[in-house]
Amino acid sequence: LKPTEPLSLLHVTPPFEILATLQVIPDLARCDILQSYEKFILNEHLFQALMKLPIAMRKE
């Protein structure tokens, strides 16, 4: 890395987007939504991994 090169910023998913994504998962209980939300706001990599799954597999 050269000192003159700008650092790339990490993508951070806004909390409202995480919550909206969890709310569209079919039959996901409210307590599971809250539990998952707590994990995803702390770990962007987990959320990005979830987004790579087909929607039918996201509940599992």
PDB file of N, CA and C in Angstrom:
ATOM      1  N   LEU A   1       0.846  -1.181   0.000  1.00  0.00           N
ATOM      2  CA  LEU A   1       0.000   0.000   0.000  1.00  0.00           C
ATOM      3  C   LEU A   1       0.885   1.235   0.000  1.00  0.00           C
ATOM      4  N   LYS A   2       0.671   2.087  -0.951  1.00  0.00           N
ATOM      5  CA  LYS A   2       1.431   3.329  -1.026  1.00  0.00           C
ATOM      6  C   LYS A   2       0.761   4.377  -0.147  1.00  0.00           C
ATOM      7  N   PRO A   3       1.547   5.243   0.462  1.00  0.00           N
ATOM      8  CA  PRO A   3       0.966   6.263   1.342  1.00  0.00           C
ATOM      9  C   PRO A   3      -0.008   7.211   0.642  1.00  0.00           C
ATOM     10  N   THR A   4       0.103   7.340  -0.666  1.00  0.00           N
ATOM     11  CA  THR A   4      -0.774   8.269  -1.380  1.00  0.00           C
ATOM     12  C   THR A   4      -2.084   7.625  -1.837  1.00  0.00           C
ATOM     13  N   GLU A   5      -2.177   6.289  -1.719  1.00  0.00           N
ATOM     14  CA  GLU A   5      -3.394   5.603  -2.138  1.00  0.00           C
ATOM     15  C   GLU A   5      -4.474   5.745  -1.070  1.00  0.00           C
ATOM     16  N   PRO A   6      -5.694   6.084  -1.479  1.00  0.00           N
ATOM     17  CA  PRO A   6      -6.777   6.176  -0.480  1.00  0.00           C
ATOM     18  C   PRO A   6      -7.171   4.782   0.008  1.00  0.00           C
ATOM     19  N   LEU A   7      -7.532   4.698   1.251  1.00  0.00           N
ATOM     20  CA  LEU A   7      -8.002   3.434   1.802  1.00  0.00           C
ATOM     21  C   LEU A   7      -9.434   3.192   1.339  1.00  0.00           C
ATOM     22  N   SER A   8      -9.711   1.954   0.984  1.00  0.00           N
ATOM     23  CA  SER A   8     -11.083   1.646   0.585  1.00  0.00           C
ATOM     24  C   SER A   8     -11.922   1.451   1.845  1.00  0.00           C
ATOM     25  N   LEU A   9     -13.110   2.028   1.815  1.00  0.00           N
ATOM     26  CA  LEU A   9     -14.000   1.914   2.959  1.00  0.00           C
ATOM     27  C   LEU A   9     -14.773   0.608   2.884  1.00  0.00           C
ATOM     28  N   LEU A  10     -14.947  -0.007   4.017  1.00  0.00           N
ATOM     29  CA  LEU A  10     -15.731  -1.223   4.102  1.00  0.00           C
ATOM     30  C   LEU A  10     -17.203  -0.897   3.919  1.00  0.00           C
ATOM     31  N   HIS A  11     -17.890  -1.750   3.204  1.00  0.00           N
ATOM     32  CA  HIS A  11     -19.334  -1.564   3.043  1.00  0.00           C
ATOM     33  C   HIS A  11     -20.017  -1.947   4.347  1.00  0.00           C
ATOM     34  N   VAL A  12     -20.842  -1.084   4.854  1.00  0.00           N
ATOM     35  CA  VAL A  12     -21.617  -1.369   6.062  1.00  0.00           C
ATOM     36  C   VAL A  12     -23.094  -1.262   5.702  1.00  0.00           C
ATOM     37  N   THR A  13     -23.796  -2.355   5.905  1.00  0.00           N
ATOM     38  CA  THR A  13     -25.225  -2.383   5.607  1.00  0.00           C
ATOM     39  C   THR A  13     -25.983  -1.625   6.688  1.00  0.00           C
ATOM     40  N   PRO A  14     -26.837  -0.695   6.309  1.00  0.00           N
ATOM     41  CA  PRO A  14     -27.614   0.051   7.310  1.00  0.00           C
ATOM     42  C   PRO A  14     -28.537  -0.884   8.097  1.00  0.00           C
ATOM     43  N   PRO A  15     -28.719  -0.616   9.379  1.00  0.00           N
ATOM     44  CA  PRO A  15     -29.576  -1.470  10.212  1.00  0.00           C
ATOM     45  C   PRO A  15     -30.985  -1.664   9.657  1.00  0.00           C
ATOM     46  N   PHE A  16     -31.579  -0.616   9.074  1.00  0.00           N
ATOM     47  CA  PHE A  16     -32.937  -0.763   8.539  1.00  0.00           C
ATOM     48  C   PHE A  16     -32.979  -1.772   7.393  1.00  0.00           C
ATOM     49  N   GLU A  17     -31.897  -1.878   6.629  1.00  0.00           N
ATOM     50  CA  GLU A  17     -31.846  -2.836   5.525  1.00  0.00           C
ATOM     51  C   GLU A  17     -31.728  -4.270   6.056  1.00  0.00           C
ATOM     52  N   ILE A  18     -30.957  -4.445   7.116  1.00  0.00           N
ATOM     53  CA  ILE A  18     -30.832  -5.763   7.745  1.00  0.00           C
ATOM     54  C   ILE A  18     -32.196  -6.207   8.265  1.00  0.00           C
ATOM     55  N   LEU A  19     -32.875  -5.325   8.973  1.00  0.00           N
ATOM     56  CA  LEU A  19     -34.186  -5.652   9.532  1.00  0.00           C
ATOM     57  C   LEU A  19     -35.193  -5.966   8.423  1.00  0.00           C
ATOM     58  N   ALA A  20     -35.203  -5.175   7.377  1.00  0.00           N
ATOM     59  CA  ALA A  20     -36.130  -5.404   6.262  1.00  0.00           C
ATOM     60  C   ALA A  20     -35.865  -6.754   5.596  1.00  0.00           C
ATOM     61  N   THR A  21     -34.602  -7.115   5.469  1.00  0.00           N
ATOM     62  CA  THR A  21     -34.241  -8.402   4.872  1.00  0.00           C
ATOM     63  C   THR A  21     -34.748  -9.558   5.721  1.00  0.00           C
ATOM     64  N   LEU A  22     -34.589  -9.440   7.030  1.00  0.00           N
ATOM     65  CA  LEU A  22     -35.046 -10.503   7.929  1.00  0.00           C
ATOM     66  C   LEU A  22     -36.566 -10.617   7.935  1.00  0.00           C
ATOM     67  N   GLN A  23     -37.255  -9.503   7.811  1.00  0.00           N
ATOM     68  CA  GLN A  23     -38.717  -9.510   7.866  1.00  0.00           C
ATOM     69  C   GLN A  23     -39.361 -10.181   6.653  1.00  0.00           C
ATOM     70  N   VAL A  24     -38.655 -10.284   5.546  1.00  0.00           N
ATOM     71  CA  VAL A  24     -39.241 -10.927   4.360  1.00  0.00           C
ATOM     72  C   VAL A  24     -38.971 -12.429   4.312  1.00  0.00           C
ATOM     73  N   ILE A  25     -38.206 -12.952   5.262  1.00  0.00           N
ATOM     74  CA  ILE A  25     -37.968 -14.394   5.304  1.00  0.00           C
ATOM     75  C   ILE A  25     -39.257 -15.059   5.796  1.00  0.00           C
ATOM     76  N   PRO A  26     -39.824 -15.955   4.985  1.00  0.00           N
ATOM     77  CA  PRO A  26     -41.107 -16.569   5.340  1.00  0.00           C
ATOM     78  C   PRO A  26     -41.043 -17.337   6.667  1.00  0.00           C
ATOM     79  N   ASP A  27     -42.052 -17.144   7.489  1.00  0.00           N
ATOM     80  CA  ASP A  27     -42.239 -17.884   8.744  1.00  0.00           C
ATOM     81  C   ASP A  27     -41.100 -17.731   9.750  1.00  0.00           C
ATOM     82  N   LEU A  28     -40.342 -16.660   9.678  1.00  0.00           N
ATOM     83  CA  LEU A  28     -39.285 -16.425  10.665  1.00  0.00           C
ATOM     84  C   LEU A  28     -39.924 -15.752  11.878  1.00  0.00           C
ATOM     85  N   ALA A  29     -39.825 -16.409  13.019  1.00  0.00           N
ATOM     86  CA  ALA A  29     -40.459 -15.907  14.238  1.00  0.00           C
ATOM     87  C   ALA A  29     -39.828 -14.588  14.675  1.00  0.00           C
ATOM     88  N   ARG A  30     -40.610 -13.790  15.379  1.00  0.00           N
ATOM     89  CA  ARG A  30     -40.145 -12.471  15.845  1.00  0.00           C
ATOM     90  C   ARG A  30     -38.881 -12.601  16.694  1.00  0.00           C
ATOM     91  N   CYS A  31     -38.845 -13.590  17.587  1.00  0.00           N
ATOM     92  CA  CYS A  31     -37.660 -13.765  18.435  1.00  0.00           C
ATOM     93  C   CYS A  31     -36.440 -14.141  17.599  1.00  0.00           C
ATOM     94  N   ASP A  32     -36.641 -14.901  16.512  1.00  0.00           N
ATOM     95  CA  ASP A  32     -35.534 -15.259  15.625  1.00  0.00           C
ATOM     96  C   ASP A  32     -35.056 -14.047  14.824  1.00  0.00           C
ATOM     97  N   ILE A  33     -35.991 -13.182  14.456  1.00  0.00           N
ATOM     98  CA  ILE A  33     -35.622 -11.948  13.755  1.00  0.00           C
ATOM     99  C   ILE A  33     -34.735 -11.094  14.655  1.00  0.00           C
ATOM    100  N   LEU A  34     -35.149 -10.923  15.901  1.00  0.00           N
ATOM    101  CA  LEU A  34     -34.373 -10.099  16.834  1.00  0.00           C
ATOM    102  C   LEU A  34     -33.003 -10.702  17.117  1.00  0.00           C
ATOM    103  N   GLN A  35     -32.958 -12.013  17.300  1.00  0.00           N
ATOM    104  CA  GLN A  35     -31.692 -12.691  17.570  1.00  0.00           C
ATOM    105  C   GLN A  35     -30.739 -12.556  16.374  1.00  0.00           C
ATOM    106  N   SER A  36     -31.262 -12.761  15.186  1.00  0.00           N
ATOM    107  CA  SER A  36     -30.449 -12.647  13.975  1.00  0.00           C
ATOM    108  C   SER A  36     -29.992 -11.211  13.755  1.00  0.00           C
ATOM    109  N   TYR A  37     -30.886 -10.265  13.986  1.00  0.00           N
ATOM    110  CA  TYR A  37     -30.566  -8.842  13.828  1.00  0.00           C
ATOM    111  C   TYR A  37     -29.378  -8.460  14.713  1.00  0.00           C
ATOM    112  N   GLU A  38     -29.390  -8.925  15.966  1.00  0.00           N
ATOM    113  CA  GLU A  38     -28.286  -8.628  16.886  1.00  0.00           C
ATOM    114  C   GLU A  38     -26.955  -9.133  16.344  1.00  0.00           C
ATOM    115  N   LYS A  39     -26.963 -10.313  15.736  1.00  0.00           N
ATOM    116  CA  LYS A  39     -25.732 -10.884  15.178  1.00  0.00           C
ATOM    117  C   LYS A  39     -25.274 -10.108  13.944  1.00  0.00           C
ATOM    118  N   PHE A  40     -26.231  -9.788  13.063  1.00  0.00           N
ATOM    119  CA  PHE A  40     -25.871  -9.170  11.791  1.00  0.00           C
ATOM    120  C   PHE A  40     -25.408  -7.720  11.921  1.00  0.00           C
ATOM    121  N   ILE A  41     -25.905  -6.982  12.910  1.00  0.00           N
ATOM    122  CA  ILE A  41     -25.429  -5.606  13.055  1.00  0.00           C
ATOM    123  C   ILE A  41     -24.007  -5.575  13.604  1.00  0.00           C
ATOM    124  N   LEU A  42     -23.573  -6.678  14.210  1.00  0.00           N
ATOM    125  CA  LEU A  42     -22.206  -6.754  14.735  1.00  0.00           C
ATOM    126  C   LEU A  42     -21.234  -7.388  13.744  1.00  0.00           C
ATOM    127  N   ASN A  43     -21.752  -8.136  12.771  1.00  0.00           N
ATOM    128  CA  ASN A  43     -20.871  -8.859  11.863  1.00  0.00           C
ATOM    129  C   ASN A  43     -21.383  -8.757  10.423  1.00  0.00           C
ATOM    130  N   GLU A  44     -20.802  -7.853   9.683  1.00  0.00           N
ATOM    131  CA  GLU A  44     -21.190  -7.615   8.287  1.00  0.00           C
ATOM    132  C   GLU A  44     -20.965  -8.858   7.423  1.00  0.00           C
ATOM    133  N   HIS A  45     -19.922  -9.625   7.719  1.00  0.00           N
ATOM    134  CA  HIS A  45     -19.625 -10.820   6.920  1.00  0.00           C
ATOM    135  C   HIS A  45     -20.741 -11.857   7.021  1.00  0.00           C
ATOM    136  N   LEU A  46     -21.309 -12.024   8.209  1.00  0.00           N
ATOM    137  CA  LEU A  46     -22.430 -12.956   8.367  1.00  0.00           C
ATOM    138  C   LEU A  46     -23.632 -12.508   7.536  1.00  0.00           C
ATOM    139  N   PHE A  47     -23.905 -11.222   7.550  1.00  0.00           N
ATOM    140  CA  PHE A  47     -25.045 -10.712   6.788  1.00  0.00           C
ATOM    141  C   PHE A  47     -24.818 -10.893   5.290  1.00  0.00           C
ATOM    142  N   GLN A  48     -23.623 -10.622   4.820  1.00  0.00           N
ATOM    143  CA  GLN A  48     -23.331 -10.785   3.393  1.00  0.00           C
ATOM    144  C   GLN A  48     -23.438 -12.252   2.982  1.00  0.00           C
ATOM    145  N   ALA A  49     -23.041 -13.161   3.877  1.00  0.00           N
ATOM    146  CA  ALA A  49     -23.178 -14.591   3.594  1.00  0.00           C
ATOM    147  C   ALA A  49     -24.655 -14.973   3.484  1.00  0.00           C
ATOM    148  N   LEU A  50     -25.488 -14.429   4.360  1.00  0.00           N
ATOM    149  CA  LEU A  50     -26.927 -14.683   4.293  1.00  0.00           C
ATOM    150  C   LEU A  50     -27.490 -14.213   2.959  1.00  0.00           C
ATOM    151  N   MET A  51     -27.050 -13.064   2.503  1.00  0.00           N
ATOM    152  CA  MET A  51     -27.568 -12.491   1.262  1.00  0.00           C
ATOM    153  C   MET A  51     -27.204 -13.333   0.038  1.00  0.00           C
ATOM    154  N   LYS A  52     -26.175 -14.144   0.132  1.00  0.00           N
ATOM    155  CA  LYS A  52     -25.772 -14.999  -0.994  1.00  0.00           C
ATOM    156  C   LYS A  52     -26.652 -16.242  -1.111  1.00  0.00           C
ATOM    157  N   LEU A  53     -27.366 -16.576  -0.028  1.00  0.00           N
ATOM    158  CA  LEU A  53     -28.237 -17.752  -0.050  1.00  0.00           C
ATOM    159  C   LEU A  53     -29.548 -17.445  -0.768  1.00  0.00           C
ATOM    160  N   PRO A  54     -30.124 -18.451  -1.435  1.00  0.00           N
ATOM    161  CA  PRO A  54     -31.464 -18.260  -1.997  1.00  0.00           C
ATOM    162  C   PRO A  54     -32.446 -18.008  -0.855  1.00  0.00           C
ATOM    163  N   ILE A  55     -33.477 -17.235  -1.098  1.00  0.00           N
ATOM    164  CA  ILE A  55     -34.408 -16.854  -0.028  1.00  0.00           C
ATOM    165  C   ILE A  55     -35.030 -18.070   0.654  1.00  0.00           C
ATOM    166  N   ALA A  56     -35.252 -19.145  -0.088  1.00  0.00           N
ATOM    167  CA  ALA A  56     -35.851 -20.345   0.500  1.00  0.00           C
ATOM    168  C   ALA A  56     -34.940 -20.994   1.540  1.00  0.00           C
ATOM    169  N   MET A  57     -33.641 -20.746   1.467  1.00  0.00           N
ATOM    170  CA  MET A  57     -32.689 -21.351   2.405  1.00  0.00           C
ATOM    171  C   MET A  57     -32.343 -20.434   3.572  1.00  0.00           C
ATOM    172  N   ARG A  58     -32.770 -19.206   3.547  1.00  0.00           N
ATOM    173  CA  ARG A  58     -32.345 -18.239   4.564  1.00  0.00           C
ATOM    174  C   ARG A  58     -32.886 -18.542   5.954  1.00  0.00           C
ATOM    175  N   LYS A  59     -34.021 -19.181   6.061  1.00  0.00           N
ATOM    176  CA  LYS A  59     -34.583 -19.470   7.383  1.00  0.00           C
ATOM    177  C   LYS A  59     -33.771 -20.532   8.104  1.00  0.00           C
ATOM    178  N   GLU A  60     -33.218 -21.460   7.367  1.00  0.00           N
ATOM    179  CA  GLU A  60     -32.461 -22.551   7.971  1.00  0.00           C
ATOM    180  C   GLU A  60     -31.185 -22.010   8.539  1.00  0.00           C
TER     181      GLU A  60
END
